[in-house]
C-alpha atoms as a PDB file:
ATOM      1  CA  MET A   1    -106.449-150.171-112.792  1.00  0.00           C
ATOM      2  CA  PRO A   2    -107.287-150.374-109.073  1.00  0.00           C
ATOM      3  CA  THR A   3    -110.974-150.753-108.242  1.00  0.00           C
ATOM      4  CA  MET A   4    -113.271-149.726-105.390  1.00  0.00           C
ATOM      5  CA  ARG A   5    -116.748-150.376-104.062  1.00  0.00           C
ATOM      6  CA  ALA A   6    -119.487-147.882-104.854  1.00  0.00           C
ATOM      7  CA  ILE A   7    -123.270-147.525-105.040  1.00  0.00           C
ATOM      8  CA  GLY A   8    -124.504-146.937-108.573  1.00  0.00           C
ATOM      9  CA  SER A   9    -127.649-146.534-110.637  1.00  0.00           C
ATOM     10  CA  PHE A  10    -128.227-147.628-114.233  1.00  0.00           C
ATOM     11  CA  THR A  11    -131.606-145.994-114.823  1.00  0.00           C
ATOM     12  CA  GLY A  12    -134.224-143.947-113.009  1.00  0.00           C
ATOM     13  CA  LEU A  13    -136.328-146.225-110.799  1.00  0.00           C
ATOM     14  CA  PRO A  14    -138.579-145.938-107.709  1.00  0.00           C
ATOM     15  CA  ILE A  15    -136.587-146.346-104.523  1.00  0.00           C
ATOM     16  CA  ASP A  16    -138.506-149.497-103.551  1.00  0.00           C
ATOM     17  CA  ASP A  17    -137.029-151.221-106.615  1.00  0.00           C
ATOM     18  CA  PRO A  18    -133.841-152.996-105.446  1.00  0.00           C
ATOM     19  CA  ASP A  19    -132.182-152.050-108.731  1.00  0.00           C
ATOM     20  CA  SER A  20    -132.637-148.311-108.059  1.00  0.00           C
ATOM     21  CA  LEU A  21    -129.335-148.263-106.161  1.00  0.00           C
ATOM     22  CA  GLN A  22    -126.918-151.174-106.556  1.00  0.00           C
ATOM     23  CA  ASP A  23    -123.602-152.234-105.085  1.00  0.00           C
ATOM     24  CA  VAL A  24    -121.015-152.030-107.864  1.00  0.00           C
ATOM     25  CA  VAL A  25    -117.248-152.231-108.363  1.00  0.00           C
ATOM     26  CA  VAL A  26    -115.710-149.439-110.441  1.00  0.00           C
ATOM     27  CA  GLU A  27    -112.269-148.043-111.185  1.00  0.00           C
ATOM     28  CA  VAL A  28    -110.755-145.693-108.616  1.00  0.00           C
ATOM     29  CA  PRO A  29    -110.993-142.133-109.992  1.00  0.00           C
ATOM     30  CA  GLN A  30    -107.715-140.535-110.960  1.00  0.00           C
ATOM     31  CA  PRO A  31    -107.381-137.088-109.362  1.00  0.00           C
ATOM     32  CA  GLY A  32    -106.906-134.165-111.736  1.00  0.00           C
ATOM     33  CA  PRO A  33    -104.452-131.313-111.114  1.00  0.00           C
ATOM     34  CA  HIS A  34    -106.674-129.517-108.584  1.00  0.00           C
ATOM     35  CA  ASP A  35    -108.332-132.662-107.165  1.00  0.00           C
ATOM     36  CA  LEU A  36    -108.241-134.388-103.840  1.00  0.00           C
ATOM     37  CA  LEU A  37    -108.858-138.123-103.682  1.00  0.00           C
ATOM     38  CA  VAL A  38    -110.934-138.597-100.532  1.00  0.00           C
ATOM     39  CA  ARG A  39    -111.724-141.758 -98.633  1.00  0.00           C
ATOM     40  CA  VAL A  40    -115.404-141.146 -97.928  1.00  0.00           C
ATOM     41  CA  GLU A  41    -116.437-141.944 -94.360  1.00  0.00           C
ATOM     42  CA  ALA A  42    -119.986-140.567 -94.375  1.00  0.00           C
ATOM     43  CA  VAL A  43    -122.527-139.039 -96.751  1.00  0.00           C
ATOM     44  CA  SER A  44    -125.902-137.435 -96.274  1.00  0.00           C
ATOM     45  CA  VAL A  45    -128.912-137.574 -98.577  1.00  0.00           C
ATOM     46  CA  ASN A  46    -130.616-134.455 -99.932  1.00  0.00           C
ATOM     47  CA  PRO A  47    -133.710-133.926-102.090  1.00  0.00           C
ATOM     48  CA  VAL A  48    -131.406-133.304-105.068  1.00  0.00           C
ATOM     49  CA  ASP A  49    -130.197-136.923-104.742  1.00  0.00           C
ATOM     50  CA  MET A  50    -133.794-138.063-105.184  1.00  0.00           C
ATOM     51  CA  LYS A  51    -134.350-135.772-108.143  1.00  0.00           C
ATOM     52  CA  GLN A  52    -131.194-136.944-109.858  1.00  0.00           C
ATOM     53  CA  ARG A  53    -131.905-140.651-109.253  1.00  0.00           C
ATOM     54  CA  ARG A  54    -135.451-140.468-110.599  1.00  0.00           C
ATOM     55  CA  SER A  55    -134.398-138.583-113.762  1.00  0.00           C
ATOM     56  CA  LEU A  56    -131.582-140.913-114.868  1.00  0.00           C
ATOM     57  CA  ASN A  57    -131.633-142.220-118.426  1.00  0.00           C
ATOM     58  CA  PRO A  58    -130.643-145.861-119.046  1.00  0.00           C
ATOM     59  CA  SER A  59    -126.874-146.303-118.981  1.00  0.00           C
ATOM     60  CA  ILE A  60    -124.454-149.192-119.414  1.00  0.00           C
ATOM     61  CA  GLU A  61    -122.062-147.666-116.902  1.00  0.00           C
ATOM     62  CA  PRO A  62    -123.234-146.982-113.341  1.00  0.00           C
ATOM     63  CA  VAL A  63    -123.961-143.402-112.339  1.00  0.00           C
ATOM     64  CA  ILE A  64    -122.717-142.764-108.813  1.00  0.00           C
ATOM     65  CA  LEU A  65    -124.947-140.347-106.918  1.00  0.00           C
ATOM     66  CA  GLY A  66    -124.287-138.344-103.765  1.00  0.00           C
ATOM     67  CA  PHE A  67    -123.050-134.856-102.919  1.00  0.00           C
ATOM     68  CA  ASP A  68    -122.485-134.266 -99.186  1.00  0.00           C
ATOM     69  CA  ALA A  69    -119.417-136.047 -97.852  1.00  0.00           C
ATOM     70  CA  ALA A  70    -116.886-136.073 -95.053  1.00  0.00           C
ATOM     71  CA  GLY A  71    -113.687-138.067 -95.230  1.00  0.00           C
ATOM     72  CA  THR A  72    -109.893-138.161 -95.310  1.00  0.00           C
ATOM     73  CA  VAL A  73    -107.580-137.103 -98.142  1.00  0.00           C
ATOM     74  CA  VAL A  74    -105.536-140.061 -99.462  1.00  0.00           C
ATOM     75  CA  ALA A  75    -103.976-138.464-102.566  1.00  0.00           C
ATOM     76  CA  VAL A  76    -103.696-135.017-104.175  1.00  0.00           C
ATOM     77  CA  GLY A  77    -103.293-133.602-107.682  1.00  0.00           C
ATOM     78  CA  ASP A  78    -100.042-131.895-108.670  1.00  0.00           C
ATOM     79  CA  GLN A  79    -101.514-128.372-108.411  1.00  0.00           C
ATOM     80  CA  VAL A  80    -103.263-128.778-105.043  1.00  0.00           C
ATOM     81  CA  GLN A  81    -102.272-125.988-102.661  1.00  0.00           C
ATOM     82  CA  HIS A  82    -104.484-126.160 -99.576  1.00  0.00           C
ATOM     83  CA  PHE A  83    -104.632-129.808 -98.463  1.00  0.00           C
ATOM     84  CA  GLY A  84    -102.388-132.785 -97.931  1.00  0.00           C
ATOM     85  CA  VAL A  85    -102.697-136.529 -97.396  1.00  0.00           C
ATOM     86  CA  GLY A  86    -104.313-137.233 -94.036  1.00  0.00           C
ATOM     87  CA  ASP A  87    -106.389-134.033 -93.858  1.00  0.00           C
ATOM     88  CA  GLU A  88    -109.996-134.456 -92.766  1.00  0.00           C
ATOM     89  CA  VAL A  89    -112.382-132.606 -95.099  1.00  0.00           C
ATOM     90  CA  TRP A  90    -116.044-131.939 -95.837  1.00  0.00           C
ATOM     91  CA  TYR A  91    -117.755-130.754 -99.000  1.00  0.00           C
ATOM     92  CA  ALA A  92    -120.913-130.849-101.125  1.00  0.00           C
ATOM     93  CA  GLY A  93    -119.540-132.010-104.452  1.00  0.00           C
ATOM     94  CA  ASP A  94    -120.097-131.137-108.090  1.00  0.00           C
ATOM     95  CA  ILE A  95    -123.226-132.120-110.016  1.00  0.00           C
ATOM     96  CA  THR A  96    -121.214-132.509-113.249  1.00  0.00           C
ATOM     97  CA  ARG A  97    -119.019-135.315-111.829  1.00  0.00           C
ATOM     98  CA  GLN A  98    -119.531-138.749-110.311  1.00  0.00           C
ATOM     99  CA  GLY A  99    -120.849-138.553-106.770  1.00  0.00           C
ATOM    100  CA  THR A 100    -119.754-139.375-103.248  1.00  0.00           C
ATOM    101  CA  ASN A 101    -121.556-142.698-102.698  1.00  0.00           C
ATOM    102  CA  ALA A 102    -118.288-144.546-103.112  1.00  0.00           C
ATOM    103  CA  GLU A 103    -115.256-145.750-101.216  1.00  0.00           C
ATOM    104  CA  LEU A 104    -113.089-143.054-102.834  1.00  0.00           C
ATOM    105  CA  HIS A 105    -114.092-139.774-104.470  1.00  0.00           C
ATOM    106  CA  ALA A 106    -112.238-137.178-106.540  1.00  0.00           C
ATOM    107  CA  VAL A 107    -113.209-133.547-105.891  1.00  0.00           C
ATOM    108  CA  ASP A 108    -111.736-130.153-106.742  1.00  0.00           C
ATOM    109  CA  GLU A 109    -110.001-128.758-103.656  1.00  0.00           C
ATOM    110  CA  ARG A 110    -111.489-125.319-104.314  1.00  0.00           C
ATOM    111  CA  ILE A 111    -114.948-126.493-103.196  1.00  0.00           C
ATOM    112  CA  VAL A 112    -113.623-128.417-100.162  1.00  0.00           C
ATOM    113  CA  GLY A 113    -113.223-127.193 -96.594  1.00  0.00           C
ATOM    114  CA  ARG A 114    -111.549-128.555 -93.493  1.00  0.00           C
ATOM    115  CA  LYS A 115    -113.882-130.706 -91.417  1.00  0.00           C
ATOM    116  CA  PRO A 116    -114.891-129.225 -88.047  1.00  0.00           C
ATOM    117  CA  ARG A 117    -112.639-130.755 -85.416  1.00  0.00           C
ATOM    118  CA  SER A 118    -115.500-131.037 -82.941  1.00  0.00           C
ATOM    119  CA  LEU A 119    -117.665-133.232 -85.178  1.00  0.00           C
ATOM    120  CA  SER A 120    -117.450-136.860 -86.185  1.00  0.00           C
ATOM    121  CA  PHE A 121    -117.451-137.649 -89.899  1.00  0.00           C
ATOM    122  CA  ALA A 122    -121.129-138.591 -89.673  1.00  0.00           C
ATOM    123  CA  GLN A 123    -122.076-135.382 -87.882  1.00  0.00           C
ATOM    124  CA  ALA A 124    -120.104-133.300 -90.376  1.00  0.00           C
ATOM    125  CA  ALA A 125    -121.542-134.955 -93.489  1.00  0.00           C
ATOM    126  CA  ALA A 126    -125.015-133.579 -92.693  1.00  0.00           C
ATOM    127  CA  LEU A 127    -123.996-129.969 -93.226  1.00  0.00           C
ATOM    128  CA  PRO A 128    -122.059-128.940 -96.366  1.00  0.00           C
ATOM    129  CA  LEU A 129    -124.736-128.722 -99.093  1.00  0.00           C
ATOM    130  CA  THR A 130    -127.368-127.165 -96.856  1.00  0.00           C
ATOM    131  CA  THR A 131    -124.880-124.783 -95.257  1.00  0.00           C
ATOM    132  CA  ILE A 132    -123.639-123.537 -98.631  1.00  0.00           C
ATOM    133  CA  THR A 133    -127.218-123.083 -99.850  1.00  0.00           C
ATOM    134  CA  ALA A 134    -128.327-121.222 -96.726  1.00  0.00           C
ATOM    135  CA  TRP A 135    -125.153-119.115 -96.605  1.00  0.00           C
ATOM    136  CA  GLU A 136    -125.301-118.075-100.245  1.00  0.00           C
ATOM    137  CA  SER A 137    -129.014-117.241 -99.920  1.00  0.00           C
ATOM    138  CA  LEU A 138    -128.570-115.076 -96.845  1.00  0.00           C
ATOM    139  CA  PHE A 139    -125.253-113.369 -97.462  1.00  0.00           C
ATOM    140  CA  GLU A 140    -124.947-113.325-101.255  1.00  0.00           C
ATOM    141  CA  ARG A 141    -128.505-113.298-102.621  1.00  0.00           C
ATOM    142  CA  PHE A 142    -129.974-111.161 -99.781  1.00  0.00           C
ATOM    143  CA  SER A 143    -126.697-109.350 -98.905  1.00  0.00           C
ATOM    144  CA  LEU A 144    -127.420-109.606 -95.178  1.00  0.00           C
ATOM    145  CA  ASP A 145    -124.845-108.820 -92.500  1.00  0.00           C
ATOM    146  CA  ARG A 146    -124.713-108.483 -88.729  1.00  0.00           C
ATOM    147  CA  ALA A 147    -126.505-105.124 -88.835  1.00  0.00           C
ATOM    148  CA  SER A 148    -129.370-106.334 -91.040  1.00  0.00           C
ATOM    149  CA  THR A 149    -132.840-106.172 -89.524  1.00  0.00           C
ATOM    150  CA  GLY A 150    -136.351-106.904 -90.748  1.00  0.00           C
ATOM    151  CA  SER A 151    -138.190-110.207 -91.058  1.00  0.00           C
ATOM    152  CA  LEU A 152    -137.132-113.451 -92.718  1.00  0.00           C
ATOM    153  CA  VAL A 153    -139.621-116.217 -93.491  1.00  0.00           C
ATOM    154  CA  VAL A 154    -138.013-119.650 -93.856  1.00  0.00           C
ATOM    155  CA  LEU A 155    -140.348-122.116 -95.539  1.00  0.00           C
ATOM    156  CA  GLY A 156    -139.748-125.786 -94.772  1.00  0.00           C
ATOM    157  CA  ALA A 157    -137.797-124.782 -91.703  1.00  0.00           C
ATOM    158  CA  ALA A 158    -137.330-128.323 -90.373  1.00  0.00           C
ATOM    159  CA  GLY A 159    -135.636-129.432 -93.590  1.00  0.00           C
ATOM    160  CA  GLY A 160    -131.918-129.458 -94.184  1.00  0.00           C
ATOM    161  CA  VAL A 161    -131.486-125.950 -95.590  1.00  0.00           C
ATOM    162  CA  GLY A 162    -134.052-124.389 -93.276  1.00  0.00           C
ATOM    163  CA  SER A 163    -132.369-125.930 -90.237  1.00  0.00           C
ATOM    164  CA  VAL A 164    -129.080-124.236 -91.095  1.00  0.00           C
ATOM    165  CA  MET A 165    -130.657-120.986 -92.296  1.00  0.00           C
ATOM    166  CA  ILE A 166    -132.409-120.428 -88.968  1.00  0.00           C
ATOM    167  CA  GLN A 167    -129.109-120.807 -87.117  1.00  0.00           C
ATOM    168  CA  LEU A 168    -127.078-118.582 -89.455  1.00  0.00           C
ATOM    169  CA  ALA A 169    -129.723-115.860 -89.534  1.00  0.00           C
ATOM    170  CA  LYS A 170    -130.066-115.793 -85.749  1.00  0.00           C
ATOM    171  CA  GLN A 171    -126.343-115.926 -85.044  1.00  0.00           C
ATOM    172  CA  LEU A 172    -124.963-113.691 -87.805  1.00  0.00           C
ATOM    173  CA  THR A 173    -127.734-111.126 -88.461  1.00  0.00           C
ATOM    174  CA  ALA A 174    -130.329-109.169 -86.488  1.00  0.00           C
ATOM    175  CA  VAL A 175    -133.326-110.243 -88.563  1.00  0.00           C
ATOM    176  CA  ARG A 176    -136.436-111.750 -86.970  1.00  0.00           C
ATOM    177  CA  VAL A 177    -136.768-115.357 -88.134  1.00  0.00           C
ATOM    178  CA  ILE A 178    -140.249-116.683 -88.862  1.00  0.00           C
ATOM    179  CA  ALA A 179    -140.160-120.412 -89.603  1.00  0.00           C
ATOM    180  CA  THR A 180    -142.890-122.481 -91.224  1.00  0.00           C
ATOM    181  CA  ALA A 181    -143.824-125.954 -90.011  1.00  0.00           C
ATOM    182  CA  SER A 182    -147.047-127.894 -89.533  1.00  0.00           C
ATOM    183  CA  ARG A 183    -146.224-130.827 -87.239  1.00  0.00           C
ATOM    184  CA  ASP A 184    -145.479-130.534 -83.527  1.00  0.00           C
ATOM    185  CA  GLU A 185    -142.103-132.225 -83.996  1.00  0.00           C
ATOM    186  CA  SER A 186    -140.977-129.879 -86.770  1.00  0.00           C
ATOM    187  CA  ARG A 187    -142.321-126.808 -84.967  1.00  0.00           C
ATOM    188  CA  GLN A 188    -140.316-127.655 -81.854  1.00  0.00           C
ATOM    189  CA  TRP A 189    -137.210-128.355 -83.945  1.00  0.00           C
ATOM    190  CA  ALA A 190    -137.408-124.884 -85.507  1.00  0.00           C
ATOM    191  CA  LEU A 191    -137.870-123.232 -82.113  1.00  0.00           C
ATOM    192  CA  ASP A 192    -134.954-125.178 -80.653  1.00  0.00           C
ATOM    193  CA  LEU A 193    -132.743-123.905 -83.487  1.00  0.00           C
ATOM    194  CA  GLY A 194    -133.634-120.319 -82.580  1.00  0.00           C
ATOM    195  CA  ALA A 195    -136.660-119.318 -84.662  1.00  0.00           C
ATOM    196  CA  ASP A 196    -138.491-116.345 -83.178  1.00  0.00           C
ATOM    197  CA  ALA A 197    -141.876-117.628 -84.341  1.00  0.00           C
ATOM    198  CA  VAL A 198    -143.284-120.659 -86.150  1.00  0.00           C
ATOM    199  CA  ILE A 199    -146.286-120.443 -88.446  1.00  0.00           C
ATOM    200  CA  ASP A 200    -148.214-123.036 -90.453  1.00  0.00           C
ATOM    201  CA  HIS A 201    -147.354-122.999 -94.162  1.00  0.00           C
ATOM    202  CA  HIS A 202    -150.873-124.280 -94.883  1.00  0.00           C
ATOM    203  CA  ASN A 203    -152.130-120.900 -93.624  1.00  0.00           C
ATOM    204  CA  LEU A 204    -149.174-118.842 -94.773  1.00  0.00           C
ATOM    205  CA  GLN A 205    -150.919-115.669 -95.881  1.00  0.00           C
ATOM    206  CA  THR A 206    -152.887-115.093 -92.675  1.00  0.00           C
ATOM    207  CA  GLU A 207    -150.210-116.130 -90.200  1.00  0.00           C
ATOM    208  CA  ALA A 208    -147.350-114.335 -91.970  1.00  0.00           C
ATOM    209  CA  ALA A 209    -149.415-111.137 -91.964  1.00  0.00           C
ATOM    210  CA  GLN A 210    -149.919-111.518 -88.218  1.00  0.00           C
ATOM    211  CA  GLU A 211    -146.192-111.961 -87.555  1.00  0.00           C
ATOM    212  CA  ALA A 212    -145.027-109.321 -90.069  1.00  0.00           C
ATOM    213  CA  PRO A 213    -147.899-106.827 -90.446  1.00  0.00           C
ATOM    214  CA  ASP A 214    -145.724-104.383 -92.413  1.00  0.00           C
ATOM    215  CA  GLY A 215    -144.710-107.096 -94.871  1.00  0.00           C
ATOM    216  CA  VAL A 216    -141.983-109.733 -95.021  1.00  0.00           C
ATOM    217  CA  ASP A 217    -138.545-108.423 -95.970  1.00  0.00           C
ATOM    218  CA  TYR A 218    -136.876-111.716 -96.970  1.00  0.00           C
ATOM    219  CA  LEU A 219    -138.296-115.124 -97.831  1.00  0.00           C
ATOM    220  CA  PHE A 220    -136.640-118.472 -98.563  1.00  0.00           C
ATOM    221  CA  SER A 221    -138.693-120.660-100.914  1.00  0.00           C
ATOM    222  CA  PRO A 222    -137.976-124.369-101.403  1.00  0.00           C
ATOM    223  CA  HIS A 223    -141.543-124.986-102.669  1.00  0.00           C
ATOM    224  CA  SER A 224    -142.617-122.156-104.972  1.00  0.00           C
ATOM    225  CA  ALA A 225    -145.349-123.797-107.058  1.00  0.00           C
ATOM    226  CA  GLY A 226    -148.760-122.374-106.167  1.00  0.00           C
ATOM    227  CA  ASN A 227    -147.276-119.868-103.719  1.00  0.00           C
ATOM    228  CA  ILE A 228    -146.426-116.837-105.877  1.00  0.00           C
ATOM    229  CA  ASP A 229    -149.737-115.045-105.297  1.00  0.00           C
ATOM    230  CA  THR A 230    -149.345-115.572-101.561  1.00  0.00           C
ATOM    231  CA  TYR A 231    -145.775-114.271-101.667  1.00  0.00           C
ATOM    232  CA  ALA A 232    -146.989-111.173-103.507  1.00  0.00           C
ATOM    233  CA  GLU A 233    -149.467-110.530-100.694  1.00  0.00           C
ATOM    234  CA  ILE A 234    -147.166-111.063 -97.707  1.00  0.00           C
ATOM    235  CA  MET A 235    -143.944-109.445 -98.985  1.00  0.00           C
ATOM    236  CA  ARG A 236    -143.211-105.766 -98.474  1.00  0.00           C
ATOM    237  CA  PRO A 237    -142.407-103.596-101.489  1.00  0.00           C
ATOM    238  CA  PHE A 238    -138.820-104.148-102.669  1.00  0.00           C
ATOM    239  CA  GLY A 239    -138.569-107.350-100.633  1.00  0.00           C
ATOM    240  CA  HIS A 240    -136.366-110.290-101.615  1.00  0.00           C
ATOM    241  CA  ILE A 241    -137.132-113.967-102.282  1.00  0.00           C
ATOM    242  CA  ALA A 242    -134.564-116.732-102.823  1.00  0.00           C
ATOM    243  CA  ALA A 243    -135.804-119.984-104.395  1.00  0.00           C
ATOM    244  CA  ILE A 244    -134.072-123.338-104.838  1.00  0.00           C
ATOM    245  CA  ASP A 245    -136.745-125.155-106.849  1.00  0.00           C
ATOM    246  CA  GLU A 246    -137.723-124.764-110.501  1.00  0.00           C
ATOM    247  CA  PRO A 247    -141.449-125.438-111.033  1.00  0.00           C
ATOM    248  CA  GLU A 248    -142.392-125.718-114.676  1.00  0.00           C
ATOM    249  CA  GLY A 249    -144.189-122.638-116.006  1.00  0.00           C
ATOM    250  CA  LEU A 250    -143.618-120.542-112.878  1.00  0.00           C
ATOM    251  CA  ASP A 251    -145.269-117.124-113.302  1.00  0.00           C
ATOM    252  CA  LEU A 252    -143.564-114.351-111.342  1.00  0.00           C
ATOM    253  CA  VAL A 253    -145.631-111.453-112.715  1.00  0.00           C
ATOM    254  CA  PRO A 254    -147.662-111.071-109.464  1.00  0.00           C
ATOM    255  CA  LEU A 255    -144.413-109.916-107.794  1.00  0.00           C
ATOM    256  CA  LYS A 256    -143.885-107.002-110.175  1.00  0.00           C
ATOM    257  CA  ALA A 257    -146.243-104.445-108.604  1.00  0.00           C
ATOM    258  CA  LYS A 258    -144.178-104.451-105.402  1.00  0.00           C
ATOM    259  CA  SER A 259    -140.839-104.670-107.282  1.00  0.00           C
ATOM    260  CA  ILE A 260    -140.060-107.837-105.341  1.00  0.00           C
ATOM    261  CA  ALA A 261    -136.645-109.270-106.242  1.00  0.00           C
ATOM    262  CA  TRP A 262    -136.558-112.971-107.147  1.00  0.00           C
ATOM    263  CA  HIS A 263    -133.203-114.710-106.666  1.00  0.00           C
ATOM    264  CA  TRP A 264    -132.298-118.201-107.802  1.00  0.00           C
ATOM    265  CA  GLU A 265    -129.941-120.126-105.525  1.00  0.00           C
ATOM    266  CA  LEU A 266    -128.063-123.180-106.808  1.00  0.00           C
ATOM    267  CA  MET A 267    -125.020-124.123-104.801  1.00  0.00           C
ATOM    268  CA  PHE A 268    -123.603-126.076-107.762  1.00  0.00           C
ATOM    269  CA  THR A 269    -123.285-122.960-109.951  1.00  0.00           C
ATOM    270  CA  ARG A 270    -119.700-122.178-108.998  1.00  0.00           C
ATOM    271  CA  ALA A 271    -118.412-125.675-109.809  1.00  0.00           C
ATOM    272  CA  MET A 272    -120.554-126.005-112.950  1.00  0.00           C
ATOM    273  CA  PHE A 273    -119.084-122.866-114.483  1.00  0.00           C
ATOM    274  CA  GLY A 274    -115.689-122.766-112.777  1.00  0.00           C
ATOM    275  CA  TYR A 275    -116.649-119.384-111.336  1.00  0.00           C
ATOM    276  CA  ASP A 276    -114.998-118.162-108.126  1.00  0.00           C
ATOM    277  CA  MET A 277    -114.891-121.726-106.830  1.00  0.00           C
ATOM    278  CA  ILE A 278    -112.540-120.875-103.975  1.00  0.00           C
ATOM    279  CA  ALA A 279    -115.415-118.946-102.353  1.00  0.00           C
ATOM    280  CA  GLN A 280    -116.954-122.257-101.308  1.00  0.00           C
ATOM    281  CA  GLN A 281    -113.727-123.382 -99.682  1.00  0.00           C
ATOM    282  CA  ARG A 282    -113.634-120.156 -97.677  1.00  0.00           C
ATOM    283  CA  LEU A 283    -117.328-120.548 -96.817  1.00  0.00           C
ATOM    284  CA  LEU A 284    -116.883-124.121 -95.564  1.00  0.00           C
ATOM    285  CA  ASP A 285    -113.785-123.182 -93.553  1.00  0.00           C
ATOM    286  CA  GLU A 286    -115.683-120.324 -91.917  1.00  0.00           C
ATOM    287  CA  ALA A 287    -118.633-122.620 -91.211  1.00  0.00           C
ATOM    288  CA  ALA A 288    -116.246-125.134 -89.619  1.00  0.00           C
ATOM    289  CA  THR A 289    -115.012-122.410 -87.280  1.00  0.00           C
ATOM    290  CA  LEU A 290    -118.616-121.553 -86.371  1.00  0.00           C
ATOM    291  CA  VAL A 291    -119.261-125.212 -85.572  1.00  0.00           C
ATOM    292  CA  ASP A 292    -116.112-125.540 -83.467  1.00  0.00           C
ATOM    293  CA  ASP A 293    -117.007-122.316 -81.629  1.00  0.00           C
ATOM    294  CA  GLY A 294    -120.477-123.681 -80.790  1.00  0.00           C
ATOM    295  CA  VAL A 295    -122.304-121.162 -83.000  1.00  0.00           C
ATOM    296  CA  LEU A 296    -123.574-123.673 -85.577  1.00  0.00           C
ATOM    297  CA  ARG A 297    -124.709-127.187 -84.705  1.00  0.00           C
ATOM    298  CA  THR A 298    -125.017-130.291 -86.830  1.00  0.00           C
ATOM    299  CA  THR A 299    -128.483-131.089 -88.156  1.00  0.00           C
ATOM    300  CA  VAL A 300    -128.141-134.870 -88.319  1.00  0.00           C
ATOM    301  CA  THR A 301    -131.101-136.606 -86.685  1.00  0.00           C
ATOM    302  CA  GLU A 302    -130.894-140.106 -88.174  1.00  0.00           C
ATOM    303  CA  LEU A 303    -127.822-142.310 -88.691  1.00  0.00           C
ATOM    304  CA  ILE A 304    -127.625-145.405 -90.890  1.00  0.00           C
ATOM    305  CA  ASP A 305    -124.550-147.537 -90.201  1.00  0.00           C
ATOM    306  CA  ASP A 306    -124.572-149.307 -93.571  1.00  0.00           C
ATOM    307  CA  PHE A 307    -122.558-147.726 -96.377  1.00  0.00           C
ATOM    308  CA  SER A 308    -124.089-149.920 -99.069  1.00  0.00           C
ATOM    309  CA  ALA A 309    -126.890-149.874-101.616  1.00  0.00           C
ATOM    310  CA  ALA A 310    -129.309-151.121 -98.964  1.00  0.00           C
ATOM    311  CA  GLY A 311    -128.310-148.351 -96.560  1.00  0.00           C
ATOM    312  CA  LEU A 312    -128.560-145.658 -99.224  1.00  0.00           C
ATOM    313  CA  ARG A 313    -131.950-146.960-100.386  1.00  0.00           C
ATOM    314  CA  GLU A 314    -133.225-146.670 -96.828  1.00  0.00           C
ATOM    315  CA  ALA A 315    -131.876-143.116 -96.568  1.00  0.00           C
ATOM    316  CA  HIS A 316    -133.576-142.163 -99.854  1.00  0.00           C
ATOM    317  CA  ARG A 317    -136.805-143.709 -98.556  1.00  0.00           C
ATOM    318  CA  ARG A 318    -136.738-141.574 -95.415  1.00  0.00           C
ATOM    319  CA  VAL A 319    -136.112-138.347 -97.320  1.00  0.00           C
ATOM    320  CA  GLU A 320    -138.809-139.186 -99.877  1.00  0.00           C
ATOM    321  CA  SER A 321    -141.316-139.701 -97.051  1.00  0.00           C
ATOM    322  CA  GLY A 322    -141.481-135.920 -96.653  1.00  0.00           C
ATOM    323  CA  ARG A 323    -141.492-136.313 -92.871  1.00  0.00           C
ATOM    324  CA  MET A 324    -137.784-135.901 -92.166  1.00  0.00           C
ATOM    325  CA  VAL A 325    -136.719-133.435 -89.509  1.00  0.00           C
ATOM    326  CA  GLY A 326    -133.087-132.498 -90.001  1.00  0.00           C
ATOM    327  CA  LYS A 327    -130.812-134.803 -92.003  1.00  0.00           C
ATOM    328  CA  VAL A 328    -130.172-138.511 -92.469  1.00  0.00           C
ATOM    329  CA  VAL A 329    -126.539-139.647 -92.761  1.00  0.00           C
ATOM    330  CA  VAL A 330    -125.114-142.946 -94.010  1.00  0.00           C
ATOM    331  CA  HIS A 331    -121.700-143.832 -92.641  1.00  0.00           C
ATOM    332  CA  ARG A 332    -119.137-146.639 -92.447  1.00  0.00           C
END
C-alpha cells in the first residue's frame, strides 16, 4: 500500500509535550464511492482541534486531527458527480473520519466546495468551518434573510466564527451587529469587519442594555457557562440564541419566562448523520462566490509555513493562548 506523511496523536497530551502531535507515516486513504482524495495544501486550527486532541484516549494507531483544509483533487470515487482531478477545493471535514493534517485526505464530495479563485490555498483554509458555523447559525437556526432587522450580539467577535458572522450579517441581512471584545486589537478587528458597535463581554448586561434597550433579538454564544442569567436579562421576549459549546450541567430554565429559543449549532451534524449533506457543498460554493465578489474576506491573520508536527504544535499553542484575532493557518 502507498504511504504518506501525516501529523498524528496517540493520546491526549498538553501541547507543550512534543509527543502531543507527531510526524508519522501512514497508508494513503482509499477514497470511497462519494469521496475525493485531496492533496492538502493548507489547514487552519480551530478550538475543536484542541478539544479533540486533549480528549484522545491512548491508541496504538495515530489519530490524525484537523478539519479545515484547502487543496487539489488527485483522485475521485466512482460515484463522484461534482468534481474531477485537478479541481481546487475547500472544506471543513467530518469529525467521524481521520482529519486533514496529512499529505492526502479522503472526504465526501457532498461537504466540499470549490475554492474561491481569488484566494490562495492558505487564505482559503481559514474559512470553511467558521463560515459553515456562522452561516447555519444565521440563516438556518435564526432564519434570517436580507429583510431581517433587529439586533444581533456576537460574543467572541474576534474569533474565527465571530469574524465571519459579522461579515455575513452585515452583508446579507439588515440586522444591527453588536460585537463583544475586550482588547483594543480585537475591538478594532470587529469594527473593521463591519460591526455597528463593540461592547465589553466582561460588562455584557449593562453595555448590551445600552446598545439594545428594547432587548437583543439574536445572540451567538460560544461561551455559555455562567452567562445564562445575563442572557435572560438582555434578550427580548421570543428572542433566539445559538450556542456552539456544551457546558456540563447547563441550566436553561432562566430563559423560559421570555420564551427565548435556544438553538444548538454543530456544523458536523450533517456529515455525522448523513443528513442533507449536499447543503454544505451549496453553502461553500455560495460563500466562494461571495469571496470572489469581494463581499466576504478571509480571516487569516497568522501563517505558519511548516506543515509538520512542529508547525501544527505552534498553531495549537497560539489558539490555546486565547489571544488570537482571526485565524492561524499552517501551509506547505
